[in-house]
Amino acid sequence: MPGKLVSRMSERECYTLSETDTVKTASQSLHEKKVGCMPILDKDNFVVGIISERDLSRLIYTEKFNMNLPVTKIMSKNLVSCDLNTSVTELMNEMTEKKIRHILIMEDKKLLGIVSIGDVVIHLINKIKEENKNLKDYINSY
């Protein structure tokens, strides 16, 4: 069923940052919430960017690290999103093609959640386990 994983992910809490937050706030929030990225929202709650561990790592690597730098200076602005009907195959293809680990779930410019590569992998592992169990049950029924 297309969108089953995406629908489930849209029901869990999605942590965000404000465009007025700093690199320090972002780093602290990512650490405390144990997530790899957070969307950045403007004053009207529209997504204007996303900040990830990769963005922080890039900032540190360039030796321009400043704890008070606004997140808008280092956030990724090229947003990749999906809707509630996106399939796992489409998610995998998009993540692989664009070399990203997170896709925003959006509907009419409204943020519904995030799907991570980890969510996709866990979904696929569970699917394989279920198929394996069904095959064993089928074989054992003879």
Protein backbone atom coordinates (compact mmCIF):
# COMPACT_ATOMS: atom_id res chain seq x y z
CA MET A 1 0.00 0.00 0.00
CA PRO A 2 1.69 3.25 -1.13
CA GLY A 3 2.33 5.79 1.58
CA LYS A 4 1.91 3.40 4.52
CA LEU A 5 5.36 4.21 5.97
CA VAL A 6 5.03 7.92 5.22
CA SER A 7 1.58 8.08 6.87
CA ARG A 8 2.97 6.42 10.01
CA MET A 9 5.92 8.82 10.12
CA SER A 10 3.62 11.83 9.75
CA GLU A 11 1.86 10.82 12.97
CA ARG A 12 4.94 11.04 15.19
CA GLU A 13 6.27 14.25 16.69
CA CYS A 14 8.42 16.37 14.37
CA TYR A 15 10.95 18.64 16.06
CA THR A 16 11.64 22.00 14.43
CA LEU A 17 13.73 25.12 14.87
CA SER A 18 12.93 28.76 14.25
CA GLU A 19 14.80 30.86 11.69
CA THR A 20 15.93 33.03 14.62
CA ASP A 21 17.67 30.10 16.36
CA THR A 22 21.46 29.89 16.47
CA VAL A 23 23.92 27.13 15.63
CA LYS A 24 24.28 26.53 19.38
CA THR A 25 20.51 26.08 19.80
CA ALA A 26 20.39 23.78 16.78
CA SER A 27 23.28 21.65 18.00
CA GLN A 28 21.78 21.40 21.48
CA SER A 29 18.32 20.49 20.10
CA LEU A 30 19.65 17.83 17.73
CA HIS A 31 21.60 16.29 20.61
CA GLU A 32 18.76 16.41 23.15
CA LYS A 33 16.11 15.09 20.74
CA LYS A 34 18.51 12.47 19.34
CA VAL A 35 17.67 13.34 15.72
CA GLY A 36 19.87 13.95 12.70
CA CYS A 37 18.09 17.00 11.32
CA MET A 38 15.40 19.58 11.99
CA PRO A 39 13.33 21.71 9.64
CA ILE A 40 13.63 25.47 10.07
CA LEU A 41 10.34 27.36 10.24
CA ASP A 42 9.67 31.04 9.61
CA LYS A 43 7.30 33.17 11.71
CA ASP A 44 4.33 31.86 9.69
CA ASN A 45 5.34 28.22 10.33
CA PHE A 46 6.42 27.63 6.72
CA VAL A 47 9.52 25.52 6.15
CA VAL A 48 12.39 27.69 4.91
CA GLY A 49 15.20 25.18 5.27
CA ILE A 50 16.56 22.18 7.08
CA ILE A 51 19.65 21.81 9.24
CA SER A 52 21.43 18.52 9.64
CA GLU A 53 24.45 17.08 11.39
CA ARG A 54 26.14 17.28 7.99
CA ASP A 55 25.56 21.06 7.88
CA LEU A 56 27.12 21.45 11.34
CA SER A 57 30.04 19.22 10.36
CA ARG A 58 30.64 21.28 7.21
CA LEU A 59 30.63 24.48 9.29
CA ILE A 60 33.17 23.10 11.74
CA TYR A 61 35.36 21.76 8.91
CA THR A 62 35.56 25.19 7.24
CA GLU A 63 36.81 26.59 10.55
CA LYS A 64 34.13 29.26 10.51
CA PHE A 65 32.44 27.88 13.59
CA ASN A 66 30.49 30.50 15.51
CA MET A 67 27.99 29.37 18.14
CA ASN A 68 25.88 32.50 17.64
CA LEU A 69 25.60 32.19 13.87
CA PRO A 70 21.93 32.06 12.80
CA VAL A 71 20.83 28.66 11.49
CA THR A 72 19.67 30.37 8.30
CA LYS A 73 23.35 30.92 7.38
CA ILE A 74 24.13 27.18 7.22
CA MET A 75 20.77 25.47 6.60
CA SER A 76 20.05 23.64 3.37
CA LYS A 77 17.49 25.56 1.35
CA ASN A 78 16.94 23.01 -1.43
CA LEU A 79 14.13 21.12 0.26
CA VAL A 80 13.27 17.59 -0.76
CA SER A 81 9.78 16.54 0.21
CA CYS A 82 7.20 13.85 -0.32
CA ASP A 83 3.49 13.54 0.33
CA LEU A 84 1.40 10.98 2.20
CA ASN A 85 1.11 8.76 -0.90
CA THR A 86 4.84 8.34 -1.51
CA SER A 87 6.00 4.73 -1.60
CA VAL A 88 9.06 3.28 0.13
CA THR A 89 10.60 2.61 -3.30
CA GLU A 90 10.18 6.27 -4.26
CA LEU A 91 11.75 7.34 -0.94
CA MET A 92 14.74 5.02 -1.46
CA ASN A 93 15.25 6.24 -5.02
CA GLU A 94 15.08 9.91 -3.99
CA MET A 95 17.45 9.44 -1.04
CA THR A 96 19.94 7.48 -3.14
CA GLU A 97 19.82 9.83 -6.12
CA LYS A 98 20.19 13.00 -4.05
CA LYS A 99 22.51 11.46 -1.42
CA ILE A 100 20.33 12.60 1.47
CA ARG A 101 19.18 10.91 4.66
CA HIS A 102 15.94 12.78 5.38
CA ILE A 103 12.85 13.74 3.39
CA LEU A 104 10.24 16.18 4.62
CA ILE A 105 6.60 15.06 4.54
CA MET A 106 4.60 18.02 3.23
CA GLU A 107 1.02 18.70 2.25
CA ASP A 108 -0.02 22.06 0.82
CA LYS A 109 3.19 23.69 2.17
CA LYS A 110 2.37 22.33 5.65
CA LEU A 111 5.02 20.24 7.40
CA LEU A 112 3.62 16.88 8.52
CA GLY A 113 6.83 15.13 9.53
CA ILE A 114 10.11 13.63 8.37
CA VAL A 115 11.15 10.25 7.00
CA SER A 116 14.75 9.19 7.61
CA ILE A 117 16.85 6.56 5.90
CA GLY A 118 16.71 4.66 9.20
CA ASP A 119 12.90 4.61 9.03
CA VAL A 120 13.10 3.16 5.51
CA VAL A 121 15.64 0.49 6.52
CA ILE A 122 13.61 -0.58 9.58
CA HIS A 123 10.48 -0.76 7.42
CA LEU A 124 12.24 -2.99 4.88
CA ILE A 125 13.73 -5.25 7.57
CA ASN A 126 10.28 -5.71 9.14
CA LYS A 127 8.79 -6.47 5.73
CA ILE A 128 11.45 -9.14 5.09
CA LYS A 129 10.90 -10.64 8.55
CA GLU A 130 7.16 -10.83 7.90
CA GLU A 131 7.67 -12.46 4.49
CA ASN A 132 10.13 -14.91 6.04
CA LYS A 133 7.63 -15.86 8.74
CA ASN A 134 4.87 -16.32 6.17
CA LEU A 135 7.10 -18.59 4.09
CA LYS A 136 8.06 -20.68 7.14
CA ASP A 137 4.41 -20.97 8.16
CA TYR A 138 3.50 -22.03 4.64
CA ILE A 139 6.28 -24.63 4.47
CA ASN A 140 5.45 -25.98 7.93
CA SER A 141 1.76 -26.35 7.04
CA TYR A 142 2.62 -29.29 4.74
